[in-house]
Amino acid sequence: QVQLVESGGGLVQAGGSLRLSCAASGGSYAMGWFRQAPGKEREFVVRITLSDGSTYYADSVKGRFIISRDNAKNTVYLQMDSLKPEDTAVYYCAAARYGSAWSRSGGGVNYWGQGTQVTVSS
């Protein structure tokens, strides 16, 4: 069982930046982030394959968010720039043991973090 611990959420004005971190207690094939806004379904944000660093972003965050990893620390980071009010959500770290595709709602994910709130004010 891999435990994921997130940090770095908070309140920021539109156009600002935040950096999220997710530390895993063990290794995995891929890690990433999902988010869930109030009254909406959970949605995929970004994923990184830990072995080669390959990434996949949701269209809504391309060019604004960057995911990176530190394999020695089993930690991934999400740098979020040019934040918009519509980015407001609880952000959940996710990890997978295998290389299967992740669905929009979280299929393919084996482990979840507890979530961290990101609020972007207009």
C-alpha atoms as a PDB file:
ATOM      1  CA  GLN A   1       0.000   0.000   0.000  1.00  0.00           C
ATOM      2  CA  VAL A   2       1.370   3.400  -1.015  1.00  0.00           C
ATOM      3  CA  GLN A   3       0.391   6.453   0.983  1.00  0.00           C
ATOM      4  CA  LEU A   4       0.321   9.866  -0.670  1.00  0.00           C
ATOM      5  CA  VAL A   5       0.680  13.106   1.272  1.00  0.00           C
ATOM      6  CA  GLU A   6      -0.075  16.393  -0.460  1.00  0.00           C
ATOM      7  CA  SER A   7       0.904  19.902   0.516  1.00  0.00           C
ATOM      8  CA  GLY A   8       0.962  23.385  -0.943  1.00  0.00           C
ATOM      9  CA  GLY A   9      -2.662  24.327  -1.487  1.00  0.00           C
ATOM     10  CA  GLY A  10      -4.065  27.687  -0.502  1.00  0.00           C
ATOM     11  CA  LEU A  11      -5.717  30.913  -1.579  1.00  0.00           C
ATOM     12  CA  VAL A  12      -4.329  32.988  -4.432  1.00  0.00           C
ATOM     13  CA  GLN A  13      -5.571  35.770  -6.666  1.00  0.00           C
ATOM     14  CA  ALA A  14      -6.259  35.190 -10.327  1.00  0.00           C
ATOM     15  CA  GLY A  15      -3.036  35.280 -12.305  1.00  0.00           C
ATOM     16  CA  GLY A  16      -1.022  34.060  -9.355  1.00  0.00           C
ATOM     17  CA  SER A  17       0.900  30.845  -8.770  1.00  0.00           C
ATOM     18  CA  LEU A  18       0.915  27.909  -6.399  1.00  0.00           C
ATOM     19  CA  ARG A  19       3.072  24.839  -6.114  1.00  0.00           C
ATOM     20  CA  LEU A  20       1.685  21.528  -4.925  1.00  0.00           C
ATOM     21  CA  SER A  21       3.783  18.637  -3.672  1.00  0.00           C
ATOM     22  CA  CYS A  22       2.916  14.978  -3.268  1.00  0.00           C
ATOM     23  CA  ALA A  23       5.189  12.611  -1.384  1.00  0.00           C
ATOM     24  CA  ALA A  24       4.682   8.878  -1.793  1.00  0.00           C
ATOM     25  CA  SER A  25       5.631   6.270   0.799  1.00  0.00           C
ATOM     26  CA  GLY A  26       6.717   3.861  -1.922  1.00  0.00           C
ATOM     27  CA  GLY A  27       7.453   3.572  -5.594  1.00  0.00           C
ATOM     28  CA  SER A  28       4.919   3.581  -8.407  1.00  0.00           C
ATOM     29  CA  TYR A  29       4.779   3.589 -12.188  1.00  0.00           C
ATOM     30  CA  ALA A  30       3.052   6.933 -12.606  1.00  0.00           C
ATOM     31  CA  MET A  31       1.832   9.796 -10.458  1.00  0.00           C
ATOM     32  CA  GLY A  32      -0.315  12.792 -11.138  1.00  0.00           C
ATOM     33  CA  TRP A  33      -3.205  14.979 -10.113  1.00  0.00           C
ATOM     34  CA  PHE A  34      -6.957  15.103 -10.373  1.00  0.00           C
ATOM     35  CA  ARG A  35      -9.237  17.853  -9.135  1.00  0.00           C
ATOM     36  CA  GLN A  36     -12.838  18.214  -8.068  1.00  0.00           C
ATOM     37  CA  ALA A  37     -14.663  21.516  -7.991  1.00  0.00           C
ATOM     38  CA  PRO A  38     -17.820  22.036  -5.899  1.00  0.00           C
ATOM     39  CA  GLY A  39     -20.801  20.423  -7.557  1.00  0.00           C
ATOM     40  CA  LYS A  40     -18.708  18.882 -10.314  1.00  0.00           C
ATOM     41  CA  GLU A  41     -17.241  15.496 -11.044  1.00  0.00           C
ATOM     42  CA  ARG A  42     -13.613  14.731 -10.416  1.00  0.00           C
ATOM     43  CA  GLU A  43     -11.471  15.367 -13.474  1.00  0.00           C
ATOM     44  CA  PHE A  44      -7.990  14.479 -14.672  1.00  0.00           C
ATOM     45  CA  VAL A  45      -5.363  17.234 -14.585  1.00  0.00           C
ATOM     46  CA  VAL A  46      -1.926  15.774 -15.331  1.00  0.00           C
ATOM     47  CA  ARG A  47       0.140  12.605 -15.166  1.00  0.00           C
ATOM     48  CA  ILE A  48       3.870  11.813 -15.220  1.00  0.00           C
ATOM     49  CA  THR A  49       5.560   8.487 -15.820  1.00  0.00           C
ATOM     50  CA  LEU A  50       8.273   8.225 -13.204  1.00  0.00           C
ATOM     51  CA  SER A  51      10.740   6.139 -15.227  1.00  0.00           C
ATOM     52  CA  ASP A  52      11.122   8.470 -18.193  1.00  0.00           C
ATOM     53  CA  GLY A  53       9.392  11.687 -17.143  1.00  0.00           C
ATOM     54  CA  SER A  54       6.859  11.607 -19.939  1.00  0.00           C
ATOM     55  CA  THR A  55       3.842  13.777 -19.207  1.00  0.00           C
ATOM     56  CA  TYR A  56       0.231  14.169 -20.255  1.00  0.00           C
ATOM     57  CA  TYR A  57      -1.857  17.253 -19.495  1.00  0.00           C
ATOM     58  CA  ALA A  58      -5.520  18.071 -19.658  1.00  0.00           C
ATOM     59  CA  ASP A  59      -6.196  20.711 -22.305  1.00  0.00           C
ATOM     60  CA  SER A  60      -7.524  23.081 -19.652  1.00  0.00           C
ATOM     61  CA  VAL A  61      -4.122  23.379 -17.940  1.00  0.00           C
ATOM     62  CA  LYS A  62      -1.671  23.051 -20.835  1.00  0.00           C
ATOM     63  CA  GLY A  63       0.804  25.899 -20.919  1.00  0.00           C
ATOM     64  CA  ARG A  64      -0.034  26.950 -17.345  1.00  0.00           C
ATOM     65  CA  PHE A  65       0.743  23.901 -15.181  1.00  0.00           C
ATOM     66  CA  ILE A  66       3.982  21.926 -15.104  1.00  0.00           C
ATOM     67  CA  ILE A  67       4.489  18.602 -13.359  1.00  0.00           C
ATOM     68  CA  SER A  68       7.926  17.384 -12.319  1.00  0.00           C
ATOM     69  CA  ARG A  69       9.315  14.579 -10.221  1.00  0.00           C
ATOM     70  CA  ASP A  70      12.130  13.757  -7.843  1.00  0.00           C
ATOM     71  CA  ASN A  71      12.464   9.989  -7.966  1.00  0.00           C
ATOM     72  CA  ALA A  72      14.958   9.895  -5.099  1.00  0.00           C
ATOM     73  CA  LYS A  73      12.280  11.409  -2.846  1.00  0.00           C
ATOM     74  CA  ASN A  74       9.280   9.641  -4.426  1.00  0.00           C
ATOM     75  CA  THR A  75       7.810  13.111  -4.800  1.00  0.00           C
ATOM     76  CA  VAL A  76       6.048  14.937  -7.598  1.00  0.00           C
ATOM     77  CA  TYR A  77       5.432  18.649  -7.872  1.00  0.00           C
ATOM     78  CA  LEU A  78       2.769  20.628  -9.672  1.00  0.00           C
ATOM     79  CA  GLN A  79       3.707  24.200 -10.528  1.00  0.00           C
ATOM     80  CA  MET A  80       0.520  26.104 -11.289  1.00  0.00           C
ATOM     81  CA  ASP A  81       0.885  29.494 -12.966  1.00  0.00           C
ATOM     82  CA  SER A  82      -1.607  31.972 -14.430  1.00  0.00           C
ATOM     83  CA  LEU A  83      -4.259  30.555 -12.160  1.00  0.00           C
ATOM     84  CA  LYS A  84      -7.905  31.214 -12.988  1.00  0.00           C
ATOM     85  CA  PRO A  85     -10.997  31.148 -10.760  1.00  0.00           C
ATOM     86  CA  GLU A  86     -12.106  28.022 -12.622  1.00  0.00           C
ATOM     87  CA  ASP A  87      -9.019  26.236 -11.280  1.00  0.00           C
ATOM     88  CA  THR A  88     -10.592  26.370  -7.827  1.00  0.00           C
ATOM     89  CA  ALA A  89     -10.981  22.802  -6.599  1.00  0.00           C
ATOM     90  CA  VAL A  90      -9.712  20.162  -4.239  1.00  0.00           C
ATOM     91  CA  TYR A  91      -6.624  18.699  -5.864  1.00  0.00           C
ATOM     92  CA  TYR A  92      -5.946  15.011  -5.311  1.00  0.00           C
ATOM     93  CA  CYS A  93      -2.610  13.330  -5.833  1.00  0.00           C
ATOM     94  CA  ALA A  94      -2.855   9.986  -7.588  1.00  0.00           C
ATOM     95  CA  ALA A  95      -0.503   7.072  -8.191  1.00  0.00           C
ATOM     96  CA  ALA A  96      -0.656   3.909 -10.233  1.00  0.00           C
ATOM     97  CA  ARG A  97       1.268   0.650 -10.004  1.00  0.00           C
ATOM     98  CA  TYR A  98       1.012  -0.066 -13.702  1.00  0.00           C
ATOM     99  CA  GLY A  99       1.022   1.716 -17.023  1.00  0.00           C
ATOM    100  CA  SER A 100      -2.653   1.458 -17.879  1.00  0.00           C
ATOM    101  CA  ALA A 101      -4.368   4.605 -19.075  1.00  0.00           C
ATOM    102  CA  TRP A 102      -6.162   6.862 -16.607  1.00  0.00           C
ATOM    103  CA  SER A 103      -9.743   7.736 -17.304  1.00  0.00           C
ATOM    104  CA  ARG A 104     -11.140  11.212 -16.803  1.00  0.00           C
ATOM    105  CA  SER A 105     -12.752  10.169 -13.533  1.00  0.00           C
ATOM    106  CA  GLY A 106      -9.817   8.240 -12.088  1.00  0.00           C
ATOM    107  CA  GLY A 107      -9.954   4.758 -13.552  1.00  0.00           C
ATOM    108  CA  GLY A 108      -6.481   3.202 -13.569  1.00  0.00           C
ATOM    109  CA  VAL A 109      -5.426   4.937 -10.349  1.00  0.00           C
ATOM    110  CA  ASN A 110      -4.494   2.670  -7.445  1.00  0.00           C
ATOM    111  CA  TYR A 111      -3.768   5.200  -4.698  1.00  0.00           C
ATOM    112  CA  TRP A 112      -5.176   8.579  -3.721  1.00  0.00           C
ATOM    113  CA  GLY A 113      -4.047  11.384  -1.479  1.00  0.00           C
ATOM    114  CA  GLN A 114      -6.338  13.114   0.973  1.00  0.00           C
ATOM    115  CA  GLY A 115      -6.699  16.231  -1.170  1.00  0.00           C
ATOM    116  CA  THR A 116      -5.596  19.828  -0.821  1.00  0.00           C
ATOM    117  CA  GLN A 117      -7.768  22.890  -1.442  1.00  0.00           C
ATOM    118  CA  VAL A 118      -6.803  25.401  -4.098  1.00  0.00           C
ATOM    119  CA  THR A 119      -8.877  28.575  -4.205  1.00  0.00           C
ATOM    120  CA  VAL A 120      -8.372  31.238  -6.863  1.00  0.00           C
ATOM    121  CA  SER A 121     -10.141  34.538  -6.263  1.00  0.00           C
ATOM    122  CA  SER A 122     -11.172  36.847  -9.063  1.00  0.00           C
END
